[in-house]
Amino acid sequence: MKIDKILTNKLFQSFIFFSIFRAIYGFAIVLIAYFLSQKYNLSIFGSLPIFVISIFVSKVFYKKFKIYFNL
């Protein structure tokens, strides 16, 4: 069937995995930034480095997961 062909496509699988990964990782980063900003009384600009660092960390994690899950 056509749907089976789409579901077994590596590009589609990678896209779905990336979407799920970003949703979970993004939520975790927002929680971490919130708790750190509350604990250390940071402004919105004080939590900005957390988000910038998370961009690079997420790229590293995603590359490792992509190899691990053979996507």
Protein backbone atom coordinates (compact mmCIF):
# COMPACT_ATOMS: atom_id res chain seq x y z
CA MET A 1 0.00 0.00 0.00
CA LYS A 2 0.99 3.60 -0.40
CA ILE A 3 0.80 4.36 3.34
CA ASP A 4 3.28 1.56 4.08
CA LYS A 5 5.67 3.03 1.58
CA ILE A 6 5.43 6.42 3.28
CA LEU A 7 5.87 4.99 6.78
CA THR A 8 8.97 3.02 5.80
CA ASN A 9 10.61 6.03 4.14
CA LYS A 10 13.79 7.02 6.03
CA LEU A 11 13.16 10.74 5.47
CA PHE A 12 9.65 10.47 6.92
CA GLN A 13 10.87 8.44 9.90
CA SER A 14 13.63 10.95 10.56
CA PHE A 15 11.13 13.83 10.39
CA ILE A 16 8.76 12.17 12.84
CA PHE A 17 11.58 11.29 15.22
CA PHE A 18 12.96 14.84 15.03
CA SER A 19 9.52 16.31 15.76
CA ILE A 20 9.02 14.11 18.82
CA PHE A 21 12.59 14.76 20.01
CA ARG A 22 12.21 18.54 19.68
CA ALA A 23 8.88 18.55 21.51
CA ILE A 24 10.22 16.63 24.50
CA TYR A 25 13.62 18.34 24.54
CA GLY A 26 12.08 21.80 24.10
CA PHE A 27 9.68 21.27 26.98
CA ALA A 28 12.53 20.09 29.21
CA ILE A 29 14.66 23.13 28.34
CA VAL A 30 11.80 25.52 29.08
CA LEU A 31 11.31 23.87 32.48
CA ILE A 32 15.03 24.04 33.24
CA ALA A 33 15.22 27.69 32.20
CA TYR A 34 12.16 28.51 34.30
CA PHE A 35 13.48 26.85 37.44
CA LEU A 36 16.95 28.38 37.04
CA SER A 37 15.50 31.83 36.46
CA GLN A 38 13.34 31.45 39.57
CA LYS A 39 16.18 30.13 41.70
CA TYR A 40 18.73 32.77 40.67
CA ASN A 41 16.20 35.58 40.09
CA LEU A 42 17.17 36.01 36.43
CA SER A 43 15.41 38.21 33.92
CA ILE A 44 14.36 36.97 30.49
CA PHE A 45 17.78 37.99 29.18
CA GLY A 46 19.46 36.06 31.96
CA SER A 47 17.91 32.83 30.78
CA LEU A 48 18.85 33.52 27.16
CA PRO A 49 22.26 31.74 27.42
CA ILE A 50 20.43 28.58 28.51
CA PHE A 51 18.43 28.60 25.28
CA VAL A 52 21.48 29.37 23.12
CA ILE A 53 23.48 26.55 24.69
CA SER A 54 20.52 24.19 24.29
CA ILE A 55 20.56 24.76 20.52
CA PHE A 56 24.04 23.28 20.25
CA VAL A 57 23.38 20.52 22.77
CA SER A 58 20.24 19.44 20.91
CA LYS A 59 22.20 19.15 17.66
CA VAL A 60 24.71 16.84 19.34
CA PHE A 61 21.95 14.73 20.94
CA TYR A 62 20.01 14.49 17.70
CA LYS A 63 23.06 13.33 15.73
CA LYS A 64 23.77 10.65 18.34
CA PHE A 65 20.14 9.49 18.40
CA LYS A 66 20.00 9.44 14.62
CA ILE A 67 22.98 7.08 14.48
CA TYR A 68 21.65 4.97 17.38
CA PHE A 69 18.21 4.52 15.80
CA ASN A 70 19.65 4.13 12.28
CA LEU A 71 17.67 7.00 10.75
